[in-house]
Amino acid sequence: MKDQQRDSLRKTILDIVAKGHIHYTDIEKKAIATCMPFVTANTFKTQFYDYLLANGYIKRVTRGVYTISERGQKLLEILP
């Protein structure tokens, strides 16, 4: 996946999560429905867990529910 596509997907995920506490499946459905043809369940899962969650850009509130962290808010502001 190209850097520009990754950044676009990451920004979309952060935008969704920034709106409040949201369940993983809702985040996934909304991100995949953004009409980005390169987004699949696997690319979403990789960016969500392996990048955003692992690096502290989003955090788990309760089981299956996530929110954006301060670090994630800063990343969202600098992503194109």
Protein backbone atom coordinates (compact mmCIF):
# COMPACT_ATOMS: atom_id res chain seq x y z
CA MET A 1 0.00 0.00 0.00
CA LYS A 2 1.33 3.43 -0.91
CA ASP A 3 2.10 6.01 1.77
CA GLN A 4 -0.59 8.36 0.47
CA GLN A 5 -3.22 5.62 0.66
CA ARG A 6 -2.11 4.64 4.17
CA ASP A 7 -2.28 8.25 5.33
CA SER A 8 -5.72 8.63 3.79
CA LEU A 9 -7.02 5.53 5.57
CA ARG A 10 -5.42 6.55 8.87
CA LYS A 11 -6.99 10.01 8.63
CA THR A 12 -10.40 8.49 7.88
CA ILE A 13 -10.15 6.16 10.89
CA LEU A 14 -9.04 8.99 13.18
CA ASP A 15 -11.86 11.24 11.90
CA ILE A 16 -14.40 8.54 12.74
CA VAL A 17 -12.94 7.79 16.17
CA ALA A 18 -12.61 11.51 17.01
CA LYS A 19 -16.40 11.87 17.03
CA GLY A 20 -16.63 10.00 20.34
CA HIS A 21 -16.55 6.52 21.81
CA ILE A 22 -17.31 4.18 18.95
CA HIS A 23 -17.42 0.42 18.52
CA TYR A 24 -14.82 -1.33 16.35
CA THR A 25 -17.34 -2.77 13.88
CA ASP A 26 -18.89 0.67 13.32
CA ILE A 27 -15.44 2.16 12.70
CA GLU A 28 -14.63 -0.63 10.25
CA LYS A 29 -17.91 -0.33 8.33
CA LYS A 30 -17.63 3.44 8.01
CA ALA A 31 -13.97 3.33 6.95
CA ILE A 32 -14.59 0.66 4.31
CA ALA A 33 -17.66 2.56 3.05
CA THR A 34 -15.62 5.70 2.33
CA CYS A 35 -15.37 4.62 -1.31
CA MET A 36 -11.61 4.18 -1.19
CA PRO A 37 -11.19 1.20 -3.53
CA PHE A 38 -7.99 -0.01 -1.86
CA VAL A 39 -9.57 -0.41 1.58
CA THR A 40 -10.41 -3.97 2.55
CA ALA A 41 -11.13 -5.52 5.93
CA ASN A 42 -7.49 -6.63 6.09
CA THR A 43 -5.98 -3.24 5.24
CA PHE A 44 -8.31 -1.62 7.76
CA LYS A 45 -7.39 -4.11 10.48
CA THR A 46 -3.66 -3.68 9.82
CA GLN A 47 -3.80 0.10 10.06
CA PHE A 48 -6.17 0.06 13.03
CA TYR A 49 -4.39 -2.47 15.25
CA ASP A 50 -0.81 -2.57 14.01
CA TYR A 51 -0.35 1.15 13.54
CA LEU A 52 -2.93 3.39 15.24
CA LEU A 53 -3.61 1.32 18.36
CA ALA A 54 -0.06 -0.02 18.74
CA ASN A 55 1.41 3.51 18.56
CA GLY A 56 -1.09 5.08 20.95
CA TYR A 57 -3.05 7.18 18.45
CA ILE A 58 -6.29 5.55 19.54
CA LYS A 59 -7.09 3.88 22.81
CA ARG A 60 -9.50 1.25 23.98
CA VAL A 61 -12.15 2.55 26.38
CA THR A 62 -13.93 -0.73 27.04
CA ARG A 63 -14.17 -4.01 25.21
CA GLY A 64 -14.57 -3.18 21.51
CA VAL A 65 -15.01 0.56 22.07
CA TYR A 66 -12.31 3.05 21.06
CA THR A 67 -11.57 6.76 21.24
CA ILE A 68 -8.85 9.04 19.93
CA SER A 69 -5.91 9.93 22.17
CA GLU A 70 -4.16 13.31 22.43
CA ARG A 71 -1.38 11.88 20.30
CA GLY A 72 -3.96 10.79 17.73
CA GLN A 73 -5.52 14.25 17.71
CA LYS A 74 -2.13 15.74 16.89
CA LEU A 75 -1.58 13.21 14.08
CA LEU A 76 -5.04 14.00 12.69
CA GLU A 77 -4.13 17.70 12.51
CA ILE A 78 -0.96 17.07 10.48
CA LEU A 79 -2.24 14.39 8.08
CA PRO A 80 -3.04 15.82 4.62
